[in-house]
Each structure stands twice: as C-alpha cells, then as structure tokens.
Amino acid sequence: MAYSLGMTDVEKEGELSAEDERILRFAAHAPRSSSAREEAVRRELGLSPVRFYQRLNVLIDVPEARRRYPLLLSRLDRLRSCRRL
C-alpha cells in the first residue's frame, strides 16, 4: 500500500488499482457518522482515516474514478469545494 499522494496508479496505467476500487466502494457505502466511518475505515480497509481521506481526495480528480463513480465523486467534489471557501 505504498501510495504517493501525487500520481496514482490510474494516471500511470489508465485503470483503477484494486486498492483504489476498495476505497471508492467503501466510500459509496460508508456510515454517515464520522466516528463510525473512521472505525470502519480502520477495520475494513486497514488504513488510518487520514490516509483514507488523502487517497479519496486524490481520486476525486482521477478521470477513470469519475467515470466509474460519477455520483459519489461529484458529491465529494462539492463537499471539498465548500470546505475550501
């Protein structure tokens, strides 16, 4: 699970990695409560919540991820834009 925060496997190969797929599938069905979501991230993905959110933030801008999870990534992009204001 050695990811850089810059270029993803998708940008290198044009496909989502298995780990990126797991993160996106999890995010699509994650608990709404932040504490429950963070606990589930640790338990189900084996990642720290910070690492999960970092990867998810990168994936928002990946065209292949956007193509496969358009509603999820549109929602996350809106949330990210609101937080930057």
PDB file of N, CA and C in Angstrom:
ATOM      1  N   MET A   1       0.816  -1.196   0.000  1.00  0.00           N
ATOM      2  CA  MET A   1       0.000   0.000   0.000  1.00  0.00           C
ATOM      3  C   MET A   1       0.857   1.256   0.000  1.00  0.00           C
ATOM      4  N   ALA A   2       1.914   1.265  -0.712  1.00  0.00           N
ATOM      5  CA  ALA A   2       2.785   2.430  -0.772  1.00  0.00           C
ATOM      6  C   ALA A   2       2.303   3.352  -1.881  1.00  0.00           C
ATOM      7  N   TYR A   3       1.507   4.315  -1.533  1.00  0.00           N
ATOM      8  CA  TYR A   3       0.981   5.283  -2.487  1.00  0.00           C
ATOM      9  C   TYR A   3       1.698   6.600  -2.336  1.00  0.00           C
ATOM     10  N   SER A   4       1.891   7.252  -3.449  1.00  0.00           N
ATOM     11  CA  SER A   4       2.307   8.645  -3.365  1.00  0.00           C
ATOM     12  C   SER A   4       1.030   9.470  -3.411  1.00  0.00           C
ATOM     13  N   LEU A   5       1.072  10.643  -2.888  1.00  0.00           N
ATOM     14  CA  LEU A   5      -0.121  11.480  -2.914  1.00  0.00           C
ATOM     15  C   LEU A   5      -0.287  12.171  -4.249  1.00  0.00           C
ATOM     16  N   GLY A   6       0.719  12.138  -5.071  1.00  0.00           N
ATOM     17  CA  GLY A   6       0.650  12.765  -6.386  1.00  0.00           C
ATOM     18  C   GLY A   6       0.019  11.831  -7.402  1.00  0.00           C
ATOM     19  N   MET A   7       0.842  11.310  -8.289  1.00  0.00           N
ATOM     20  CA  MET A   7       0.357  10.478  -9.375  1.00  0.00           C
ATOM     21  C   MET A   7      -0.150   9.136  -8.848  1.00  0.00           C
ATOM     22  N   THR A   8      -1.332   8.745  -9.284  1.00  0.00           N
ATOM     23  CA  THR A   8      -1.909   7.478  -8.861  1.00  0.00           C
ATOM     24  C   THR A   8      -1.619   6.412  -9.890  1.00  0.00           C
ATOM     25  N   ASP A   9      -1.917   5.176  -9.537  1.00  0.00           N
ATOM     26  CA  ASP A   9      -1.784   4.071 -10.480  1.00  0.00           C
ATOM     27  C   ASP A   9      -2.655   4.304 -11.703  1.00  0.00           C
ATOM     28  N   VAL A  10      -3.787   4.961 -11.511  1.00  0.00           N
ATOM     29  CA  VAL A  10      -4.697   5.237 -12.620  1.00  0.00           C
ATOM     30  C   VAL A  10      -4.021   6.117 -13.653  1.00  0.00           C
ATOM     31  N   GLU A  11      -3.347   7.150 -13.192  1.00  0.00           N
ATOM     32  CA  GLU A  11      -2.694   8.066 -14.117  1.00  0.00           C
ATOM     33  C   GLU A  11      -1.535   7.390 -14.834  1.00  0.00           C
ATOM     34  N   LYS A  12      -0.935   6.396 -14.214  1.00  0.00           N
ATOM     35  CA  LYS A  12       0.167   5.683 -14.839  1.00  0.00           C
ATOM     36  C   LYS A  12      -0.334   4.649 -15.838  1.00  0.00           C
ATOM     37  N   GLU A  13      -1.406   3.916 -15.485  1.00  0.00           N
ATOM     38  CA  GLU A  13      -1.854   2.784 -16.285  1.00  0.00           C
ATOM     39  C   GLU A  13      -3.212   2.979 -16.935  1.00  0.00           C
ATOM     40  N   GLY A  14      -3.984   3.966 -16.535  1.00  0.00           N
ATOM     41  CA  GLY A  14      -5.298   4.185 -17.102  1.00  0.00           C
ATOM     42  C   GLY A  14      -6.404   3.370 -16.446  1.00  0.00           C
ATOM     43  N   GLU A  15      -6.082   2.611 -15.397  1.00  0.00           N
ATOM     44  CA  GLU A  15      -7.066   1.810 -14.679  1.00  0.00           C
ATOM     45  C   GLU A  15      -6.950   2.092 -13.189  1.00  0.00           C
ATOM     46  N   LEU A  16      -8.045   1.844 -12.473  1.00  0.00           N
ATOM     47  CA  LEU A  16      -8.009   1.969 -11.021  1.00  0.00           C
ATOM     48  C   LEU A  16      -7.317   0.754 -10.431  1.00  0.00           C
ATOM     49  N   SER A  17      -6.500   0.980  -9.423  1.00  0.00           N
ATOM     50  CA  SER A  17      -5.885  -0.152  -8.723  1.00  0.00           C
ATOM     51  C   SER A  17      -6.952  -0.834  -7.875  1.00  0.00           C
ATOM     52  N   ALA A  18      -6.664  -2.032  -7.444  1.00  0.00           N
ATOM     53  CA  ALA A  18      -7.594  -2.766  -6.587  1.00  0.00           C
ATOM     54  C   ALA A  18      -7.841  -1.994  -5.285  1.00  0.00           C
ATOM     55  N   GLU A  19      -6.789  -1.391  -4.755  1.00  0.00           N
ATOM     56  CA  GLU A  19      -6.925  -0.609  -3.519  1.00  0.00           C
ATOM     57  C   GLU A  19      -7.809   0.622  -3.736  1.00  0.00           C
ATOM     58  N   ASP A  20      -7.633   1.298  -4.862  1.00  0.00           N
ATOM     59  CA  ASP A  20      -8.481   2.449  -5.168  1.00  0.00           C
ATOM     60  C   ASP A  20      -9.940   2.037  -5.322  1.00  0.00           C
ATOM     61  N   GLU A  21     -10.175   0.901  -5.961  1.00  0.00           N
ATOM     62  CA  GLU A  21     -11.539   0.368  -6.093  1.00  0.00           C
ATOM     63  C   GLU A  21     -12.149   0.110  -4.723  1.00  0.00           C
ATOM     64  N   ARG A  22     -11.378  -0.521  -3.838  1.00  0.00           N
ATOM     65  CA  ARG A  22     -11.878  -0.798  -2.479  1.00  0.00           C
ATOM     66  C   ARG A  22     -12.230   0.490  -1.758  1.00  0.00           C
ATOM     67  N   ILE A  23     -11.382   1.500  -1.886  1.00  0.00           N
ATOM     68  CA  ILE A  23     -11.624   2.787  -1.225  1.00  0.00           C
ATOM     69  C   ILE A  23     -12.895   3.430  -1.761  1.00  0.00           C
ATOM     70  N   LEU A  24     -13.068   3.418  -3.069  1.00  0.00           N
ATOM     71  CA  LEU A  24     -14.257   4.032  -3.667  1.00  0.00           C
ATOM     72  C   LEU A  24     -15.534   3.264  -3.323  1.00  0.00           C
ATOM     73  N   ARG A  25     -15.479   1.944  -3.366  1.00  0.00           N
ATOM     74  CA  ARG A  25     -16.659   1.149  -2.986  1.00  0.00           C
ATOM     75  C   ARG A  25     -17.016   1.398  -1.529  1.00  0.00           C
ATOM     76  N   PHE A  26     -16.002   1.459  -0.674  1.00  0.00           N
ATOM     77  CA  PHE A  26     -16.251   1.736   0.734  1.00  0.00           C
ATOM     78  C   PHE A  26     -16.880   3.115   0.908  1.00  0.00           C
ATOM     79  N   ALA A  27     -16.311   4.124   0.253  1.00  0.00           N
ATOM     80  CA  ALA A  27     -16.812   5.496   0.384  1.00  0.00           C
ATOM     81  C   ALA A  27     -18.257   5.611  -0.080  1.00  0.00           C
ATOM     82  N   ALA A  28     -18.632   4.829  -1.076  1.00  0.00           N
ATOM     83  CA  ALA A  28     -20.008   4.879  -1.586  1.00  0.00           C
ATOM     84  C   ALA A  28     -21.020   4.362  -0.569  1.00  0.00           C
ATOM     85  N   HIS A  29     -20.569   3.490   0.345  1.00  0.00           N
ATOM     86  CA  HIS A  29     -21.491   2.879   1.310  1.00  0.00           C
ATOM     87  C   HIS A  29     -21.059   3.077   2.754  1.00  0.00           C
ATOM     88  N   ALA A  30     -20.186   4.031   2.983  1.00  0.00           N
ATOM     89  CA  ALA A  30     -19.647   4.259   4.321  1.00  0.00           C
ATOM     90  C   ALA A  30     -20.715   4.805   5.263  1.00  0.00           C
ATOM     91  N   PRO A  31     -20.587   4.505   6.544  1.00  0.00           N
ATOM     92  CA  PRO A  31     -21.500   5.073   7.536  1.00  0.00           C
ATOM     93  C   PRO A  31     -21.453   6.607   7.506  1.00  0.00           C
ATOM     94  N   ARG A  32     -22.568   7.243   7.765  1.00  0.00           N
ATOM     95  CA  ARG A  32     -22.627   8.714   7.760  1.00  0.00           C
ATOM     96  C   ARG A  32     -21.936   9.332   8.964  1.00  0.00           C
ATOM     97  N   SER A  33     -22.020   8.679  10.088  1.00  0.00           N
ATOM     98  CA  SER A  33     -21.382   9.187  11.300  1.00  0.00           C
ATOM     99  C   SER A  33     -19.867   9.143  11.133  1.00  0.00           C
ATOM    100  N   SER A  34     -19.204  10.252  11.422  1.00  0.00           N
ATOM    101  CA  SER A  34     -17.753  10.290  11.217  1.00  0.00           C
ATOM    102  C   SER A  34     -17.012   9.305  12.108  1.00  0.00           C
ATOM    103  N   SER A  35     -17.443   9.135  13.345  1.00  0.00           N
ATOM    104  CA  SER A  35     -16.746   8.190  14.226  1.00  0.00           C
ATOM    105  C   SER A  35     -16.959   6.752  13.761  1.00  0.00           C
ATOM    106  N   ALA A  36     -18.163   6.423  13.343  1.00  0.00           N
ATOM    107  CA  ALA A  36     -18.431   5.071  12.823  1.00  0.00           C
ATOM    108  C   ALA A  36     -17.678   4.847  11.515  1.00  0.00           C
ATOM    109  N   ARG A  37     -17.609   5.871  10.672  1.00  0.00           N
ATOM    110  CA  ARG A  37     -16.896   5.760   9.401  1.00  0.00           C
ATOM    111  C   ARG A  37     -15.401   5.549   9.648  1.00  0.00           C
ATOM    112  N   GLU A  38     -14.822   6.304  10.565  1.00  0.00           N
ATOM    113  CA  GLU A  38     -13.393   6.165  10.848  1.00  0.00           C
ATOM    114  C   GLU A  38     -13.062   4.795  11.433  1.00  0.00           C
ATOM    115  N   GLU A  39     -13.923   4.286  12.271  1.00  0.00           N
ATOM    116  CA  GLU A  39     -13.721   2.943  12.821  1.00  0.00           C
ATOM    117  C   GLU A  39     -13.821   1.898  11.709  1.00  0.00           C
ATOM    118  N   ALA A  40     -14.781   2.061  10.817  1.00  0.00           N
ATOM    119  CA  ALA A  40     -14.949   1.123   9.704  1.00  0.00           C
ATOM    120  C   ALA A  40     -13.773   1.195   8.730  1.00  0.00           C
ATOM    121  N   VAL A  41     -13.207   2.380   8.530  1.00  0.00           N
ATOM    122  CA  VAL A  41     -12.034   2.527   7.660  1.00  0.00           C
ATOM    123  C   VAL A  41     -10.883   1.696   8.220  1.00  0.00           C
ATOM    124  N   ARG A  42     -10.665   1.796   9.511  1.00  0.00           N
ATOM    125  CA  ARG A  42      -9.583   1.021  10.136  1.00  0.00           C
ATOM    126  C   ARG A  42      -9.845  -0.483  10.029  1.00  0.00           C
ATOM    127  N   ARG A  43     -11.085  -0.873  10.336  1.00  0.00           N
ATOM    128  CA  ARG A  43     -11.438  -2.285  10.386  1.00  0.00           C
ATOM    129  C   ARG A  43     -11.499  -2.916   8.984  1.00  0.00           C
ATOM    130  N   GLU A  44     -12.187  -2.260   8.050  1.00  0.00           N
ATOM    131  CA  GLU A  44     -12.448  -2.860   6.744  1.00  0.00           C
ATOM    132  C   GLU A  44     -11.343  -2.625   5.725  1.00  0.00           C
ATOM    133  N   LEU A  45     -10.701  -1.460   5.782  1.00  0.00           N
ATOM    134  CA  LEU A  45      -9.667  -1.144   4.796  1.00  0.00           C
ATOM    135  C   LEU A  45      -8.252  -1.289   5.331  1.00  0.00           C
ATOM    136  N   GLY A  46      -8.121  -1.307   6.650  1.00  0.00           N
ATOM    137  CA  GLY A  46      -6.790  -1.400   7.241  1.00  0.00           C
ATOM    138  C   GLY A  46      -5.971  -0.131   7.031  1.00  0.00           C
ATOM    139  N   LEU A  47      -6.649   0.995   6.893  1.00  0.00           N
ATOM    140  CA  LEU A  47      -5.993   2.288   6.699  1.00  0.00           C
ATOM    141  C   LEU A  47      -6.310   3.203   7.863  1.00  0.00           C
ATOM    142  N   SER A  48      -5.462   4.185   8.071  1.00  0.00           N
ATOM    143  CA  SER A  48      -5.818   5.226   9.029  1.00  0.00           C
ATOM    144  C   SER A  48      -6.841   6.135   8.335  1.00  0.00           C
ATOM    145  N   PRO A  49      -7.704   6.774   9.091  1.00  0.00           N
ATOM    146  CA  PRO A  49      -8.661   7.690   8.475  1.00  0.00           C
ATOM    147  C   PRO A  49      -7.988   8.791   7.661  1.00  0.00           C
ATOM    148  N   VAL A  50      -6.857   9.305   8.143  1.00  0.00           N
ATOM    149  CA  VAL A  50      -6.143  10.359   7.412  1.00  0.00           C
ATOM    150  C   VAL A  50      -5.719   9.845   6.043  1.00  0.00           C
ATOM    151  N   ARG A  51      -5.152   8.653   6.002  1.00  0.00           N
ATOM    152  CA  ARG A  51      -4.704   8.065   4.737  1.00  0.00           C
ATOM    153  C   ARG A  51      -5.881   7.817   3.797  1.00  0.00           C
ATOM    154  N   PHE A  52      -6.995   7.352   4.347  1.00  0.00           N
ATOM    155  CA  PHE A  52      -8.214   7.130   3.559  1.00  0.00           C
ATOM    156  C   PHE A  52      -8.663   8.435   2.899  1.00  0.00           C
ATOM    157  N   TYR A  53      -8.735   9.503   3.680  1.00  0.00           N
ATOM    158  CA  TYR A  53      -9.195  10.787   3.130  1.00  0.00           C
ATOM    159  C   TYR A  53      -8.191  11.371   2.138  1.00  0.00           C
ATOM    160  N   GLN A  54      -6.912  11.154   2.363  1.00  0.00           N
ATOM    161  CA  GLN A  54      -5.911  11.615   1.401  1.00  0.00           C
ATOM    162  C   GLN A  54      -6.097  10.920   0.061  1.00  0.00           C
ATOM    163  N   ARG A  55      -6.250   9.600   0.088  1.00  0.00           N
ATOM    164  CA  ARG A  55      -6.445   8.834  -1.154  1.00  0.00           C
ATOM    165  C   ARG A  55      -7.743   9.240  -1.836  1.00  0.00           C
ATOM    166  N   LEU A  56      -8.798   9.393  -1.061  1.00  0.00           N
ATOM    167  CA  LEU A  56     -10.087   9.783  -1.625  1.00  0.00           C
ATOM    168  C   LEU A  56      -9.991  11.155  -2.274  1.00  0.00           C
ATOM    169  N   ASN A  57      -9.282  12.074  -1.669  1.00  0.00           N
ATOM    170  CA  ASN A  57      -9.100  13.407  -2.215  1.00  0.00           C
ATOM    171  C   ASN A  57      -8.382  13.363  -3.561  1.00  0.00           C
ATOM    172  N   VAL A  58      -7.379  12.499  -3.680  1.00  0.00           N
ATOM    173  CA  VAL A  58      -6.672  12.339  -4.957  1.00  0.00           C
ATOM    174  C   VAL A  58      -7.603  11.733  -5.997  1.00  0.00           C
ATOM    175  N   LEU A  59      -8.374  10.734  -5.593  1.00  0.00           N
ATOM    176  CA  LEU A  59      -9.248  10.028  -6.536  1.00  0.00           C
ATOM    177  C   LEU A  59     -10.358  10.913  -7.101  1.00  0.00           C
ATOM    178  N   ILE A  60     -10.744  11.960  -6.391  1.00  0.00           N
ATOM    179  CA  ILE A  60     -11.770  12.877  -6.891  1.00  0.00           C
ATOM    180  C   ILE A  60     -11.374  13.451  -8.246  1.00  0.00           C
ATOM    181  N   ASP A  61     -10.088  13.642  -8.467  1.00  0.00           N
ATOM    182  CA  ASP A  61      -9.598  14.260  -9.698  1.00  0.00           C
ATOM    183  C   ASP A  61      -9.163  13.261 -10.769  1.00  0.00           C
ATOM    184  N   VAL A  62      -9.352  11.985 -10.534  1.00  0.00           N
ATOM    185  CA  VAL A  62      -8.928  10.955 -11.495  1.00  0.00           C
ATOM    186  C   VAL A  62     -10.084  10.655 -12.454  1.00  0.00           C
ATOM    187  N   PRO A  63      -9.883  10.869 -13.755  1.00  0.00           N
ATOM    188  CA  PRO A  63     -10.967  10.666 -14.727  1.00  0.00           C
ATOM    189  C   PRO A  63     -11.594   9.274 -14.695  1.00  0.00           C
ATOM    190  N   GLU A  64     -10.793   8.230 -14.566  1.00  0.00           N
ATOM    191  CA  GLU A  64     -11.347   6.862 -14.540  1.00  0.00           C
ATOM    192  C   GLU A  64     -12.227   6.647 -13.318  1.00  0.00           C
ATOM    193  N   ALA A  65     -11.823   7.173 -12.193  1.00  0.00           N
ATOM    194  CA  ALA A  65     -12.642   7.075 -10.982  1.00  0.00           C
ATOM    195  C   ALA A  65     -13.938   7.857 -11.169  1.00  0.00           C
ATOM    196  N   ARG A  66     -13.849   9.026 -11.761  1.00  0.00           N
ATOM    197  CA  ARG A  66     -15.030   9.866 -12.008  1.00  0.00           C
ATOM    198  C   ARG A  66     -15.998   9.165 -12.960  1.00  0.00           C
ATOM    199  N   ARG A  67     -15.435   8.462 -13.942  1.00  0.00           N
ATOM    200  CA  ARG A  67     -16.278   7.750 -14.911  1.00  0.00           C
ATOM    201  C   ARG A  67     -17.020   6.593 -14.241  1.00  0.00           C
ATOM    202  N   ARG A  68     -16.355   5.905 -13.313  1.00  0.00           N
ATOM    203  CA  ARG A  68     -16.953   4.717 -12.697  1.00  0.00           C
ATOM    204  C   ARG A  68     -17.830   5.027 -11.492  1.00  0.00           C
ATOM    205  N   TYR A  69     -17.576   6.142 -10.819  1.00  0.00           N
ATOM    206  CA  TYR A  69     -18.339   6.528  -9.622  1.00  0.00           C
ATOM    207  C   TYR A  69     -18.771   7.992  -9.736  1.00  0.00           C
ATOM    208  N   PRO A  70     -19.554   8.337 -10.757  1.00  0.00           N
ATOM    209  CA  PRO A  70     -19.845   9.755 -11.006  1.00  0.00           C
ATOM    210  C   PRO A  70     -20.621  10.447  -9.886  1.00  0.00           C
ATOM    211  N   LEU A  71     -21.624   9.798  -9.329  1.00  0.00           N
ATOM    212  CA  LEU A  71     -22.414  10.448  -8.278  1.00  0.00           C
ATOM    213  C   LEU A  71     -21.599  10.647  -7.005  1.00  0.00           C
ATOM    214  N   LEU A  72     -20.892   9.615  -6.600  1.00  0.00           N
ATOM    215  CA  LEU A  72     -20.056   9.707  -5.401  1.00  0.00           C
ATOM    216  C   LEU A  72     -19.025  10.809  -5.541  1.00  0.00           C
ATOM    217  N   LEU A  73     -18.301  10.813  -6.645  1.00  0.00           N
ATOM    218  CA  LEU A  73     -17.214  11.782  -6.782  1.00  0.00           C
ATOM    219  C   LEU A  73     -17.713  13.199  -7.030  1.00  0.00           C
ATOM    220  N   SER A  74     -18.868  13.341  -7.645  1.00  0.00           N
ATOM    221  CA  SER A  74     -19.464  14.684  -7.770  1.00  0.00           C
ATOM    222  C   SER A  74     -19.831  15.229  -6.396  1.00  0.00           C
ATOM    223  N   ARG A  75     -20.419  14.366  -5.560  1.00  0.00           N
ATOM    224  CA  ARG A  75     -20.786  14.786  -4.204  1.00  0.00           C
ATOM    225  C   ARG A  75     -19.542  15.143  -3.395  1.00  0.00           C
ATOM    226  N   LEU A  76     -18.519  14.305  -3.472  1.00  0.00           N
ATOM    227  CA  LEU A  76     -17.291  14.576  -2.728  1.00  0.00           C
ATOM    228  C   LEU A  76     -16.584  15.836  -3.229  1.00  0.00           C
ATOM    229  N   ASP A  77     -16.643  16.070  -4.523  1.00  0.00           N
ATOM    230  CA  ASP A  77     -16.047  17.284  -5.094  1.00  0.00           C
ATOM    231  C   ASP A  77     -16.768  18.529  -4.583  1.00  0.00           C
ATOM    232  N   ARG A  78     -18.095  18.465  -4.514  1.00  0.00           N
ATOM    233  CA  ARG A  78     -18.872  19.599  -3.963  1.00  0.00           C
ATOM    234  C   ARG A  78     -18.499  19.850  -2.511  1.00  0.00           C
ATOM    235  N   LEU A  79     -18.411  18.772  -1.723  1.00  0.00           N
ATOM    236  CA  LEU A  79     -18.029  18.925  -0.319  1.00  0.00           C
ATOM    237  C   LEU A  79     -16.633  19.523  -0.180  1.00  0.00           C
ATOM    238  N   ARG A  80     -15.718  19.063  -1.002  1.00  0.00           N
ATOM    239  CA  ARG A  80     -14.348  19.590  -0.969  1.00  0.00           C
ATOM    240  C   ARG A  80     -14.334  21.066  -1.336  1.00  0.00           C
ATOM    241  N   SER A  81     -15.104  21.453  -2.338  1.00  0.00           N
ATOM    242  CA  SER A  81     -15.161  22.864  -2.748  1.00  0.00           C
ATOM    243  C   SER A  81     -15.714  23.749  -1.644  1.00  0.00           C
ATOM    244  N   CYS A  82     -16.728  23.262  -0.938  1.00  0.00           N
ATOM    245  CA  CYS A  82     -17.310  24.045   0.154  1.00  0.00           C
ATOM    246  C   CYS A  82     -16.315  24.238   1.301  1.00  0.00           C
ATOM    247  N   ARG A  83     -15.515  23.254   1.552  1.00  0.00           N
ATOM    248  CA  ARG A  83     -14.547  23.326   2.648  1.00  0.00           C
ATOM    249  C   ARG A  83     -13.381  24.255   2.325  1.00  0.00           C
ATOM    250  N   ARG A  84     -13.116  24.472   1.047  1.00  0.00           N
ATOM    251  CA  ARG A  84     -12.007  25.350   0.659  1.00  0.00           C
ATOM    252  C   ARG A  84     -12.374  26.821   0.742  1.00  0.00           C
ATOM    253  N   LEU A  85     -13.641  27.124   0.810  1.00  0.00           N
ATOM    254  CA  LEU A  85     -14.057  28.530   0.839  1.00  0.00           C
ATOM    255  C   LEU A  85     -13.729  29.214   2.121  1.00  0.00           C
TER     256      LEU A  85
END
